[in-house]
Each structure stands twice: as C-alpha cells, then as structure tokens.
C-alpha atoms as a PDB file:
ATOM      1  CA  UNK A   1      57.178 101.680  39.248  1.00  0.00           C
ATOM      2  CA  UNK A   2      54.256 100.169  41.135  1.00  0.00           C
ATOM      3  CA  UNK A   3      52.794 101.498  44.329  1.00  0.00           C
ATOM      4  CA  UNK A   4      53.211  98.053  45.900  1.00  0.00           C
ATOM      5  CA  UNK A   5      56.963  98.291  45.398  1.00  0.00           C
ATOM      6  CA  UNK A   6      56.988 101.745  46.982  1.00  0.00           C
ATOM      7  CA  UNK A   7      54.852 100.498  49.881  1.00  0.00           C
ATOM      8  CA  UNK A   8      57.308  97.657  50.498  1.00  0.00           C
ATOM      9  CA  UNK A   9      60.241 100.046  50.240  1.00  0.00           C
ATOM     10  CA  UNK A  10      58.636 102.470  52.726  1.00  0.00           C
ATOM     11  CA  UNK A  11      57.818  99.592  55.100  1.00  0.00           C
ATOM     12  CA  UNK A  12      61.431  98.473  54.843  1.00  0.00           C
ATOM     13  CA  UNK A  13      62.501 102.048  55.557  1.00  0.00           C
ATOM     14  CA  UNK A  14      60.368 102.175  58.713  1.00  0.00           C
ATOM     15  CA  UNK A  15      61.583  98.788  59.944  1.00  0.00           C
ATOM     16  CA  UNK A  16      65.218  99.675  59.233  1.00  0.00           C
ATOM     17  CA  UNK A  17      64.884 103.006  61.041  1.00  0.00           C
ATOM     18  CA  UNK A  18      63.236 101.369  64.069  1.00  0.00           C
ATOM     19  CA  UNK A  19      65.902  98.676  64.074  1.00  0.00           C
ATOM     20  CA  UNK A  20      68.710 101.258  64.000  1.00  0.00           C
ATOM     21  CA  UNK A  21      67.053 103.153  66.839  1.00  0.00           C
ATOM     22  CA  UNK A  22      66.701  99.986  68.966  1.00  0.00           C
ATOM     23  CA  UNK A  23      70.282  98.890  68.269  1.00  0.00           C
ATOM     24  CA  UNK A  24      71.627 102.275  69.372  1.00  0.00           C
ATOM     25  CA  UNK A  25      69.426 102.248  72.497  1.00  0.00           C
ATOM     26  CA  UNK A  26      70.709  98.795  73.383  1.00  0.00           C
ATOM     27  CA  UNK A  27      74.316  99.833  72.757  1.00  0.00           C
ATOM     28  CA  UNK A  28      73.828 102.887  74.980  1.00  0.00           C
ATOM     29  CA  UNK A  29      72.284 100.834  77.801  1.00  0.00           C
ATOM     30  CA  UNK A  30      75.028  98.182  77.644  1.00  0.00           C
ATOM     31  CA  UNK A  31      77.719 100.876  77.807  1.00  0.00           C
ATOM     32  CA  UNK A  32      75.990 102.555  80.777  1.00  0.00           C
ATOM     33  CA  UNK A  33      75.797  99.211  82.568  1.00  0.00           C
ATOM     34  CA  UNK A  34      79.490  98.584  81.840  1.00  0.00           C
ATOM     35  CA  UNK A  35      80.347 101.970  83.372  1.00  0.00           C
ATOM     36  CA  UNK A  36      78.313 101.133  86.465  1.00  0.00           C
ATOM     37  CA  UNK A  37      79.929  97.708  86.826  1.00  0.00           C
ATOM     38  CA  UNK A  38      83.389  99.277  86.456  1.00  0.00           C
ATOM     39  CA  UNK A  39      82.686 101.621  89.374  1.00  0.00           C
ATOM     40  CA  UNK A  40      81.382  98.763  91.520  1.00  0.00           C
ATOM     41  CA  UNK A  41      84.516  96.741  90.702  1.00  0.00           C
ATOM     42  CA  UNK A  42      86.743  99.732  91.507  1.00  0.00           C
ATOM     43  CA  UNK A  43      85.156 100.129  94.950  1.00  0.00           C
ATOM     44  CA  UNK A  44      85.527  96.394  95.519  1.00  0.00           C
ATOM     45  CA  UNK A  45      89.223  96.570  94.551  1.00  0.00           C
ATOM     46  CA  UNK A  46      89.728  99.371  97.074  1.00  0.00           C
ATOM     47  CA  UNK A  47      87.978  97.382  99.822  1.00  0.00           C
ATOM     48  CA  UNK A  48      90.046  94.290  99.013  1.00  0.00           C
ATOM     49  CA  UNK A  49      93.236  96.377  99.021  1.00  0.00           C
ATOM     50  CA  UNK A  50      92.400  97.759 102.464  1.00  0.00           C
ATOM     51  CA  UNK A  51      91.708  94.255 103.761  1.00  0.00           C
ATOM     52  CA  UNK A  52      94.984  92.988 102.271  1.00  0.00           C
ATOM     53  CA  UNK A  53      96.869  95.921 103.798  1.00  0.00           C
ATOM     54  CA  UNK A  54      95.307  95.277 107.214  1.00  0.00           C
ATOM     55  CA  UNK A  55      96.219  91.596 106.942  1.00  0.00           C
ATOM     56  CA  UNK A  56      99.827  92.475 106.010  1.00  0.00           C
ATOM     57  CA  UNK A  57     100.056  94.785 109.039  1.00  0.00           C
ATOM     58  CA  UNK A  58      98.652  92.088 111.353  1.00  0.00           C
ATOM     59  CA  UNK A  59     101.112  89.477 110.014  1.00  0.00           C
ATOM     60  CA  UNK A  60     104.000  91.886 110.508  1.00  0.00           C
ATOM     61  CA  UNK A  61     102.924  92.765 114.034  1.00  0.00           C
ATOM     62  CA  UNK A  62     102.436  89.108 114.871  1.00  0.00           C
ATOM     63  CA  UNK A  63     105.910  88.238 113.560  1.00  0.00           C
ATOM     64  CA  UNK A  64     107.498  91.132 115.466  1.00  0.00           C
ATOM     65  CA  UNK A  65     105.675  90.015 118.622  1.00  0.00           C
ATOM     66  CA  UNK A  66     106.957  86.463 118.179  1.00  0.00           C
ATOM     67  CA  UNK A  67     110.489  87.806 117.647  1.00  0.00           C
ATOM     68  CA  UNK A  68     110.286  89.985 120.756  1.00  0.00           C
ATOM     69  CA  UNK A  69     109.050  87.162 122.958  1.00  0.00           C
ATOM     70  CA  UNK A  70     111.673  84.784 121.559  1.00  0.00           C
ATOM     71  CA  UNK A  71     114.503  87.250 122.147  1.00  0.00           C
ATOM     72  CA  UNK A  72     113.192  88.175 125.595  1.00  0.00           C
ATOM     73  CA  UNK A  73     112.930  84.494 126.565  1.00  0.00           C
ATOM     74  CA  UNK A  74     116.636  84.187 125.774  1.00  0.00           C
ATOM     75  CA  UNK A  75     117.410  87.232 127.892  1.00  0.00           C
ATOM     76  CA  UNK A  76     118.520  89.373 124.937  1.00  0.00           C
ATOM     77  CA  UNK A  77     118.217  93.177 124.984  1.00  0.00           C
ATOM     78  CA  UNK A  78     115.552  94.145 122.425  1.00  0.00           C
ATOM     79  CA  UNK A  79     116.642  97.780 122.167  1.00  0.00           C
ATOM     80  CA  UNK A  80     120.155  97.161 120.898  1.00  0.00           C
ATOM     81  CA  UNK A  81     122.116  95.010 118.501  1.00  0.00           C
ATOM     82  CA  UNK A  82     120.835  92.273 116.247  1.00  0.00           C
ATOM     83  CA  UNK A  83     117.484  91.660 117.995  1.00  0.00           C
ATOM     84  CA  UNK A  84     116.567  95.331 117.735  1.00  0.00           C
ATOM     85  CA  UNK A  85     117.699  95.453 114.105  1.00  0.00           C
ATOM     86  CA  UNK A  86     115.682  92.356 113.192  1.00  0.00           C
ATOM     87  CA  UNK A  87     112.539  93.763 114.822  1.00  0.00           C
ATOM     88  CA  UNK A  88     113.083  97.117 113.085  1.00  0.00           C
ATOM     89  CA  UNK A  89     113.441  95.335 109.732  1.00  0.00           C
ATOM     90  CA  UNK A  90     110.314  93.307 110.409  1.00  0.00           C
ATOM     91  CA  UNK A  91     108.414  96.539 111.141  1.00  0.00           C
ATOM     92  CA  UNK A  92     109.857  98.228 108.034  1.00  0.00           C
ATOM     93  CA  UNK A  93     109.058  95.387 105.649  1.00  0.00           C
ATOM     94  CA  UNK A  94     105.631  94.944 107.214  1.00  0.00           C
ATOM     95  CA  UNK A  95     104.906  98.624 106.558  1.00  0.00           C
ATOM     96  CA  UNK A  96     106.170  98.197 102.980  1.00  0.00           C
ATOM     97  CA  UNK A  97     103.872  95.207 102.440  1.00  0.00           C
ATOM     98  CA  UNK A  98     100.956  97.203 103.808  1.00  0.00           C
ATOM     99  CA  UNK A  99     101.726 100.173 101.549  1.00  0.00           C
ATOM    100  CA  UNK A 100     102.222  97.918  98.520  1.00  0.00           C
ATOM    101  CA  UNK A 101      98.787  96.375  99.068  1.00  0.00           C
ATOM    102  CA  UNK A 102      97.178  99.820  99.265  1.00  0.00           C
ATOM    103  CA  UNK A 103      99.094 101.088  96.238  1.00  0.00           C
ATOM    104  CA  UNK A 104      98.214  98.045  94.121  1.00  0.00           C
ATOM    105  CA  UNK A 105      94.559  98.436  95.066  1.00  0.00           C
ATOM    106  CA  UNK A 106      94.612 102.124  94.146  1.00  0.00           C
ATOM    107  CA  UNK A 107      96.137 101.382  90.731  1.00  0.00           C
ATOM    108  CA  UNK A 108      93.654  98.598  90.109  1.00  0.00           C
ATOM    109  CA  UNK A 109      90.714 100.824  91.091  1.00  0.00           C
ATOM    110  CA  UNK A 110      92.051 103.612  88.857  1.00  0.00           C
ATOM    111  CA  UNK A 111      92.289 101.245  85.870  1.00  0.00           C
ATOM    112  CA  UNK A 112      88.767  99.970  86.489  1.00  0.00           C
ATOM    113  CA  UNK A 113      87.455 103.524  86.712  1.00  0.00           C
ATOM    114  CA  UNK A 114      89.205 104.433  83.453  1.00  0.00           C
ATOM    115  CA  UNK A 115      87.367 101.528  81.849  1.00  0.00           C
ATOM    116  CA  UNK A 116      84.171 102.947  83.310  1.00  0.00           C
ATOM    117  CA  UNK A 117      84.915 106.373  81.857  1.00  0.00           C
ATOM    118  CA  UNK A 118      85.495 104.791  78.457  1.00  0.00           C
ATOM    119  CA  UNK A 119      82.222 102.883  78.738  1.00  0.00           C
ATOM    120  CA  UNK A 120      80.398 106.089  79.680  1.00  0.00           C
ATOM    121  CA  UNK A 121      81.922 107.833  76.663  1.00  0.00           C
ATOM    122  CA  UNK A 122      80.599 105.006  74.492  1.00  0.00           C
ATOM    123  CA  UNK A 123      77.180 105.424  76.098  1.00  0.00           C
ATOM    124  CA  UNK A 124      77.249 109.149  75.431  1.00  0.00           C
ATOM    125  CA  UNK A 125      78.253 108.545  71.810  1.00  0.00           C
ATOM    126  CA  UNK A 126      75.464 106.012  71.227  1.00  0.00           C
ATOM    127  CA  UNK A 127      72.680 108.319  70.087  1.00  0.00           C
ATOM    128  CA  UNK A 128      69.511 106.431  69.157  1.00  0.00           C
ATOM    129  CA  UNK A 129      67.950 109.501  67.544  1.00  0.00           C
ATOM    130  CA  UNK A 130      70.942 110.070  65.303  1.00  0.00           C
ATOM    131  CA  UNK A 131      71.107 106.386  64.382  1.00  0.00           C
ATOM    132  CA  UNK A 132      67.446 106.418  63.385  1.00  0.00           C
ATOM    133  CA  UNK A 133      67.855 109.683  61.464  1.00  0.00           C
ATOM    134  CA  UNK A 134      70.881 108.320  59.616  1.00  0.00           C
ATOM    135  CA  UNK A 135      68.998 105.161  58.711  1.00  0.00           C
ATOM    136  CA  UNK A 136      65.984 107.187  57.610  1.00  0.00           C
ATOM    137  CA  UNK A 137      68.074 109.467  55.423  1.00  0.00           C
ATOM    138  CA  UNK A 138      70.047 106.640  53.856  1.00  0.00           C
ATOM    139  CA  UNK A 139      67.045 104.424  53.183  1.00  0.00           C
ATOM    140  CA  UNK A 140      64.853 107.394  52.283  1.00  0.00           C
ATOM    141  CA  UNK A 141      67.228 108.550  49.596  1.00  0.00           C
ATOM    142  CA  UNK A 142      67.287 105.023  48.172  1.00  0.00           C
ATOM    143  CA  UNK A 143      63.487 104.910  48.031  1.00  0.00           C
ATOM    144  CA  UNK A 144      63.346 108.384  46.525  1.00  0.00           C
ATOM    145  CA  UNK A 145      65.911 107.403  43.910  1.00  0.00           C
ATOM    146  CA  UNK A 146      63.826 104.407  42.924  1.00  0.00           C
ATOM    147  CA  UNK A 147      60.625 106.455  42.902  1.00  0.00           C
ATOM    148  CA  UNK A 148      61.942 109.366  40.903  1.00  0.00           C
ATOM    149  CA  UNK A 149      64.576 107.512  38.852  1.00  0.00           C
ATOM    150  CA  UNK A 150      62.296 105.633  36.450  1.00  0.00           C
ATOM    151  CA  UNK A 151      59.871 108.567  36.106  1.00  0.00           C
ATOM    152  CA  UNK A 152      62.678 110.932  35.173  1.00  0.00           C
ATOM    153  CA  UNK A 153      63.889 108.477  32.537  1.00  0.00           C
ATOM    154  CA  UNK A 154      60.410 107.962  31.038  1.00  0.00           C
END
C-alpha cells in the first residue's frame, strides 16, 4: 500500500473527526438555544395568562356594574331575589373565567418548560468530544485495517 494512500486516509480521518466534532457542537448549541427559547415562551405564556385573567375580571365587574345600575334604575332590590341571583352568577362566572385563564396559562407554561427540559437534555447528551472520539476510532480502525491488512497478507 502506498504512503500517498495512507496520507489521504489520515487526512480523511482528520477531516471526518473535525466534522463530527463541529456537528455535535452545533447540535449542542441548537438544543441549548431551544431550551432558552422554551423558557422565554413559558414566561410569555404566564404574562399573557395574567393579562387574560385581568381582562376577564374587568369584563365581569363591568357587566355586574351594568346589571346593578339597570336594576337600581328600575327600583329593584339588589340584595334579594332575581337581581341578586343574577349579579351573584355574574360574579361567579367571572371568577371562573379568570381562574380558567390563569389555569390555561399555567398548563401552557408547564408544557413549554417541559419542552425546554427536553431540549436541555439533548444539549447535555450532545458531546462534541465523544463524537470526535467515536469518529476517530471508527475511521482510525479502518485506516489501520488497510495499512496492516495487505502487509499481513504479503
């Protein structure tokens, strides 16, 4: 076997090892960025949920205020009977809407954070050194087999 062939094989080994290392570094960085973006999105989901909950509370309070003024304008007693029941139901369903908005936001943020945890696990698993070592060992054994194979047969 010629030395030129071995030189090409070794050069290929070096390039392949460097390529494996770079690919693993890139994979690690992408996964870390995905984890960071997931956390940012989770915080944004929580903020949006709080804004939605506040808006639901304001709508409910506005509706209850309109109901009170309408009933009062008609001279109805707000503390008893149907007017009181309607206002109580408006308050109850408004509180439910507010809680639903907060709960949905919490679930959404949790799911986004789980995605971030998974991305961080992928980042932790992407080991450039191990990728390069694996490539070196695999390619190195191939070069060694070609170097020693023909000599052993001769």
